[in-house]
Amino acid sequence: MHYINAEGTRYYYKLENYDADWREGGLHKAYYFNIPPGKYSFWRKLIRQFWYCRRKIVTVIISPPWWRTWWAYTSFRIVVRCSLMGVYFLSVKKIATQKIE
């Protein structure tokens, strides 16, 4: 988008699958907070004096935090299983040594 003669220009933003309606904003910034992970299309619309309209689309992919990924869940399961097995084998060893005594 070009920014020549920006006085009569209005900018609108929309994050598809998140915003229900267009939001009016400034020239360079659009703020979004606490967006759930997923794939979104960010739309920007420029309207100049009700006759010139120009749109631009950018695809945005928001990844989940590392602790909510499949490999993190797999790692958590492995750690929990290994811990439970360790506790089990230690208790079996303790019982076996008590029986020998």
N, C-alpha and C. Protein backbone atom coordinates (compact mmCIF):
# COMPACT_ATOMS: atom_id res chain seq x y z
N MET A 1 0.84 -1.17 0.00
CA MET A 1 0.00 0.00 0.00
C MET A 1 0.88 1.23 0.00
N HIS A 2 0.49 2.22 -0.73
CA HIS A 2 1.28 3.43 -0.73
C HIS A 2 0.68 4.43 0.25
N TYR A 3 1.51 5.32 0.74
CA TYR A 3 1.11 6.22 1.82
C TYR A 3 1.18 7.69 1.41
N ILE A 4 1.01 7.96 0.14
CA ILE A 4 1.00 9.34 -0.32
C ILE A 4 -0.36 9.96 0.05
N ASN A 5 -0.33 11.18 0.54
CA ASN A 5 -1.53 11.90 0.93
C ASN A 5 -2.34 11.09 1.95
N ALA A 6 -1.76 10.86 3.11
CA ALA A 6 -2.37 10.01 4.13
C ALA A 6 -3.42 10.72 4.98
N GLU A 7 -3.67 12.03 4.75
CA GLU A 7 -4.61 12.75 5.61
C GLU A 7 -6.03 12.22 5.49
N GLY A 8 -6.49 11.98 4.30
CA GLY A 8 -7.86 11.54 4.11
C GLY A 8 -8.00 10.03 4.05
N THR A 9 -7.00 9.32 4.48
CA THR A 9 -6.99 7.87 4.39
C THR A 9 -7.38 7.25 5.72
N ARG A 10 -8.23 6.22 5.66
CA ARG A 10 -8.61 5.47 6.85
C ARG A 10 -8.19 4.03 6.66
N TYR A 11 -7.70 3.43 7.74
CA TYR A 11 -7.19 2.06 7.69
C TYR A 11 -8.06 1.17 8.56
N TYR A 12 -8.37 0.00 8.03
CA TYR A 12 -9.17 -0.97 8.76
C TYR A 12 -8.43 -2.31 8.78
N TYR A 13 -8.62 -3.04 9.88
CA TYR A 13 -7.96 -4.33 10.05
C TYR A 13 -8.98 -5.39 10.43
N LYS A 14 -8.68 -6.60 10.01
CA LYS A 14 -9.53 -7.72 10.41
C LYS A 14 -8.68 -8.98 10.42
N LEU A 15 -8.78 -9.73 11.50
CA LEU A 15 -8.12 -11.02 11.60
C LEU A 15 -9.19 -12.08 11.42
N GLU A 16 -9.18 -12.70 10.25
CA GLU A 16 -10.20 -13.67 9.90
C GLU A 16 -10.17 -14.83 10.88
N ASN A 17 -11.31 -15.34 11.25
CA ASN A 17 -11.52 -16.40 12.24
C ASN A 17 -11.28 -15.92 13.67
N TYR A 18 -11.10 -14.62 13.86
CA TYR A 18 -10.95 -14.07 15.21
C TYR A 18 -11.86 -12.85 15.38
N ASP A 19 -11.73 -11.87 14.48
CA ASP A 19 -12.57 -10.66 14.54
C ASP A 19 -13.89 -10.91 13.82
N ALA A 20 -14.96 -10.42 14.40
CA ALA A 20 -16.26 -10.52 13.74
C ALA A 20 -16.44 -9.37 12.74
N ASP A 21 -15.85 -8.23 13.02
CA ASP A 21 -16.03 -7.05 12.19
C ASP A 21 -14.68 -6.36 11.96
N TRP A 22 -14.67 -5.40 11.04
CA TRP A 22 -13.46 -4.63 10.76
C TRP A 22 -13.18 -3.69 11.93
N ARG A 23 -11.91 -3.51 12.26
CA ARG A 23 -11.49 -2.57 13.31
C ARG A 23 -10.72 -1.44 12.66
N GLU A 24 -11.03 -0.21 13.07
CA GLU A 24 -10.29 0.94 12.53
C GLU A 24 -9.00 1.10 13.31
N GLY A 25 -7.91 1.40 12.59
CA GLY A 25 -6.63 1.51 13.24
C GLY A 25 -5.76 2.56 12.61
N GLY A 26 -4.51 2.59 13.06
CA GLY A 26 -3.54 3.56 12.57
C GLY A 26 -2.81 3.08 11.34
N LEU A 27 -1.81 3.82 10.99
CA LEU A 27 -1.08 3.58 9.75
C LEU A 27 -0.21 2.32 9.82
N HIS A 28 0.51 2.11 10.90
CA HIS A 28 1.50 1.05 10.93
C HIS A 28 1.23 -0.07 11.93
N LYS A 29 0.25 0.05 12.81
CA LYS A 29 0.12 -0.92 13.88
C LYS A 29 -1.30 -1.44 14.04
N ALA A 30 -1.38 -2.72 14.35
CA ALA A 30 -2.63 -3.36 14.75
C ALA A 30 -2.27 -4.28 15.90
N TYR A 31 -2.98 -4.19 17.00
CA TYR A 31 -2.65 -4.97 18.19
C TYR A 31 -3.69 -6.06 18.41
N TYR A 32 -3.19 -7.26 18.67
CA TYR A 32 -4.03 -8.40 19.02
C TYR A 32 -3.37 -9.10 20.20
N PHE A 33 -4.17 -9.47 21.20
CA PHE A 33 -3.66 -10.10 22.39
C PHE A 33 -4.42 -11.40 22.65
N ASN A 34 -3.72 -12.36 23.23
CA ASN A 34 -4.30 -13.63 23.66
C ASN A 34 -5.05 -14.36 22.54
N ILE A 35 -4.43 -14.43 21.40
CA ILE A 35 -5.04 -15.14 20.28
C ILE A 35 -4.71 -16.62 20.41
N PRO A 36 -5.71 -17.49 20.31
CA PRO A 36 -5.41 -18.92 20.41
C PRO A 36 -4.58 -19.40 19.22
N PRO A 37 -3.82 -20.47 19.39
CA PRO A 37 -3.00 -20.99 18.29
C PRO A 37 -3.87 -21.39 17.10
N GLY A 38 -3.33 -21.17 15.91
CA GLY A 38 -4.05 -21.53 14.69
C GLY A 38 -3.54 -20.75 13.50
N LYS A 39 -4.24 -20.92 12.38
CA LYS A 39 -3.87 -20.24 11.15
C LYS A 39 -4.92 -19.16 10.87
N TYR A 40 -4.47 -17.94 10.65
CA TYR A 40 -5.35 -16.80 10.45
C TYR A 40 -4.96 -16.04 9.18
N SER A 41 -5.91 -15.30 8.66
CA SER A 41 -5.64 -14.38 7.56
C SER A 41 -5.84 -12.97 8.09
N PHE A 42 -4.80 -12.17 8.00
CA PHE A 42 -4.85 -10.78 8.45
C PHE A 42 -5.15 -9.90 7.24
N TRP A 43 -6.27 -9.20 7.29
CA TRP A 43 -6.71 -8.32 6.21
C TRP A 43 -6.47 -6.88 6.61
N ARG A 44 -5.99 -6.09 5.67
CA ARG A 44 -5.82 -4.66 5.87
C ARG A 44 -6.49 -3.95 4.71
N LYS A 45 -7.33 -3.00 5.05
CA LYS A 45 -8.08 -2.29 4.04
C LYS A 45 -7.80 -0.80 4.17
N LEU A 46 -7.53 -0.16 3.06
CA LEU A 46 -7.25 1.26 3.01
C LEU A 46 -8.40 1.93 2.23
N ILE A 47 -9.02 2.92 2.80
CA ILE A 47 -10.09 3.66 2.12
C ILE A 47 -9.71 5.12 2.11
N ARG A 48 -9.67 5.69 0.92
CA ARG A 48 -9.31 7.09 0.77
C ARG A 48 -10.49 7.84 0.16
N GLN A 49 -11.06 8.71 0.94
CA GLN A 49 -12.12 9.62 0.52
C GLN A 49 -13.28 8.87 -0.13
N PHE A 50 -13.63 7.71 0.40
CA PHE A 50 -14.80 6.91 0.02
C PHE A 50 -14.83 6.48 -1.45
N TRP A 51 -13.72 6.57 -2.14
CA TRP A 51 -13.75 6.13 -3.54
C TRP A 51 -12.61 5.19 -3.88
N TYR A 52 -11.55 5.21 -3.13
CA TYR A 52 -10.41 4.36 -3.42
C TYR A 52 -10.29 3.34 -2.30
N CYS A 53 -10.31 2.10 -2.66
CA CYS A 53 -10.20 1.04 -1.67
C CYS A 53 -9.14 0.05 -2.13
N ARG A 54 -8.26 -0.32 -1.21
CA ARG A 54 -7.22 -1.28 -1.53
C ARG A 54 -7.07 -2.24 -0.36
N ARG A 55 -6.94 -3.53 -0.67
CA ARG A 55 -6.83 -4.54 0.38
C ARG A 55 -5.53 -5.31 0.26
N LYS A 56 -5.07 -5.78 1.40
CA LYS A 56 -3.88 -6.61 1.43
C LYS A 56 -4.12 -7.72 2.45
N ILE A 57 -3.70 -8.95 2.09
CA ILE A 57 -3.90 -10.10 2.96
C ILE A 57 -2.55 -10.72 3.31
N VAL A 58 -2.39 -11.06 4.59
CA VAL A 58 -1.20 -11.74 5.06
C VAL A 58 -1.64 -12.94 5.88
N THR A 59 -1.08 -14.11 5.60
CA THR A 59 -1.39 -15.30 6.38
C THR A 59 -0.50 -15.33 7.62
N VAL A 60 -1.14 -15.55 8.77
CA VAL A 60 -0.44 -15.57 10.05
C VAL A 60 -0.66 -16.92 10.70
N ILE A 61 0.42 -17.57 11.12
CA ILE A 61 0.32 -18.84 11.83
C ILE A 61 0.86 -18.64 13.24
N ILE A 62 0.00 -18.89 14.22
CA ILE A 62 0.37 -18.74 15.62
C ILE A 62 0.57 -20.14 16.19
N SER A 63 1.78 -20.43 16.60
CA SER A 63 2.11 -21.74 17.15
C SER A 63 1.74 -21.78 18.63
N PRO A 64 1.39 -22.97 19.11
CA PRO A 64 1.13 -23.08 20.55
C PRO A 64 2.43 -22.99 21.33
N PRO A 65 2.35 -22.70 22.63
CA PRO A 65 3.57 -22.69 23.44
C PRO A 65 4.19 -24.09 23.47
N TRP A 66 5.47 -24.19 23.76
CA TRP A 66 6.18 -25.46 23.64
C TRP A 66 5.58 -26.54 24.52
N TRP A 67 5.02 -26.18 25.67
CA TRP A 67 4.48 -27.19 26.59
C TRP A 67 3.12 -27.73 26.13
N ARG A 68 2.56 -27.18 25.04
CA ARG A 68 1.30 -27.68 24.50
C ARG A 68 1.46 -28.30 23.12
N THR A 69 2.64 -28.81 22.82
CA THR A 69 2.89 -29.47 21.54
C THR A 69 2.91 -30.98 21.74
N TRP A 70 2.80 -31.73 20.66
CA TRP A 70 2.73 -33.19 20.75
C TRP A 70 4.02 -33.77 21.33
N TRP A 71 5.16 -33.18 20.96
CA TRP A 71 6.42 -33.75 21.46
C TRP A 71 6.60 -33.46 22.94
N ALA A 72 6.06 -32.36 23.44
CA ALA A 72 6.13 -32.07 24.87
C ALA A 72 5.26 -33.07 25.64
N TYR A 73 4.03 -33.33 25.14
CA TYR A 73 3.16 -34.31 25.79
C TYR A 73 3.81 -35.70 25.80
N THR A 74 4.46 -36.05 24.71
CA THR A 74 5.15 -37.34 24.65
C THR A 74 6.29 -37.39 25.66
N SER A 75 7.04 -36.32 25.76
CA SER A 75 8.13 -36.25 26.76
C SER A 75 7.59 -36.34 28.17
N PHE A 76 6.48 -35.66 28.45
CA PHE A 76 5.87 -35.72 29.78
C PHE A 76 5.46 -37.15 30.13
N ARG A 77 4.84 -37.83 29.15
CA ARG A 77 4.42 -39.22 29.39
C ARG A 77 5.63 -40.12 29.69
N ILE A 78 6.70 -39.93 28.93
CA ILE A 78 7.90 -40.75 29.15
C ILE A 78 8.48 -40.50 30.53
N VAL A 79 8.55 -39.25 30.94
CA VAL A 79 9.09 -38.91 32.27
C VAL A 79 8.22 -39.50 33.37
N VAL A 80 6.91 -39.39 33.23
CA VAL A 80 6.00 -39.92 34.25
C VAL A 80 6.11 -41.44 34.32
N ARG A 81 6.11 -42.11 33.17
CA ARG A 81 6.23 -43.57 33.16
C ARG A 81 7.55 -44.04 33.75
N CYS A 82 8.64 -43.38 33.38
CA CYS A 82 9.94 -43.74 33.94
C CYS A 82 9.97 -43.53 35.45
N SER A 83 9.37 -42.45 35.92
CA SER A 83 9.32 -42.18 37.36
C SER A 83 8.51 -43.24 38.09
N LEU A 84 7.36 -43.61 37.54
CA LEU A 84 6.53 -44.65 38.16
C LEU A 84 7.25 -46.00 38.16
N MET A 85 7.91 -46.31 37.06
CA MET A 85 8.66 -47.57 37.00
C MET A 85 9.81 -47.56 38.00
N GLY A 86 10.49 -46.43 38.14
CA GLY A 86 11.57 -46.32 39.12
C GLY A 86 11.07 -46.53 40.53
N VAL A 87 9.94 -45.91 40.88
CA VAL A 87 9.36 -46.07 42.21
C VAL A 87 8.97 -47.53 42.42
N TYR A 88 8.36 -48.13 41.41
CA TYR A 88 7.94 -49.53 41.52
C TYR A 88 9.15 -50.44 41.75
N PHE A 89 10.19 -50.29 40.94
CA PHE A 89 11.36 -51.16 41.08
C PHE A 89 12.10 -50.92 42.40
N LEU A 90 12.15 -49.69 42.86
CA LEU A 90 12.76 -49.42 44.16
C LEU A 90 11.97 -50.07 45.29
N SER A 91 10.64 -50.01 45.20
CA SER A 91 9.83 -50.64 46.25
C SER A 91 9.96 -52.16 46.19
N VAL A 92 10.02 -52.75 44.99
CA VAL A 92 10.21 -54.20 44.86
C VAL A 92 11.57 -54.59 45.43
N LYS A 93 12.59 -53.83 45.15
CA LYS A 93 13.94 -54.11 45.67
C LYS A 93 13.96 -54.01 47.19
N LYS A 94 13.27 -53.01 47.73
CA LYS A 94 13.23 -52.82 49.19
C LYS A 94 12.51 -54.01 49.85
N ILE A 95 11.41 -54.45 49.23
CA ILE A 95 10.67 -55.61 49.79
C ILE A 95 11.53 -56.86 49.69
N ALA A 96 12.24 -57.03 48.59
CA ALA A 96 13.09 -58.22 48.42
C ALA A 96 14.21 -58.22 49.44
N THR A 97 14.83 -57.07 49.72
CA THR A 97 15.90 -57.02 50.72
C THR A 97 15.35 -57.27 52.12
N GLN A 98 14.12 -56.83 52.39
CA GLN A 98 13.51 -57.08 53.70
C GLN A 98 13.22 -58.56 53.89
N LYS A 99 12.80 -59.25 52.80
CA LYS A 99 12.53 -60.68 52.90
C LYS A 99 13.80 -61.48 53.12
N ILE A 100 14.91 -61.02 52.51
CA ILE A 100 16.18 -61.72 52.67
C ILE A 100 16.68 -61.57 54.09
N GLU A 101 16.48 -60.39 54.69
CA GLU A 101 16.93 -60.17 56.06
C GLU A 101 16.09 -60.99 57.00
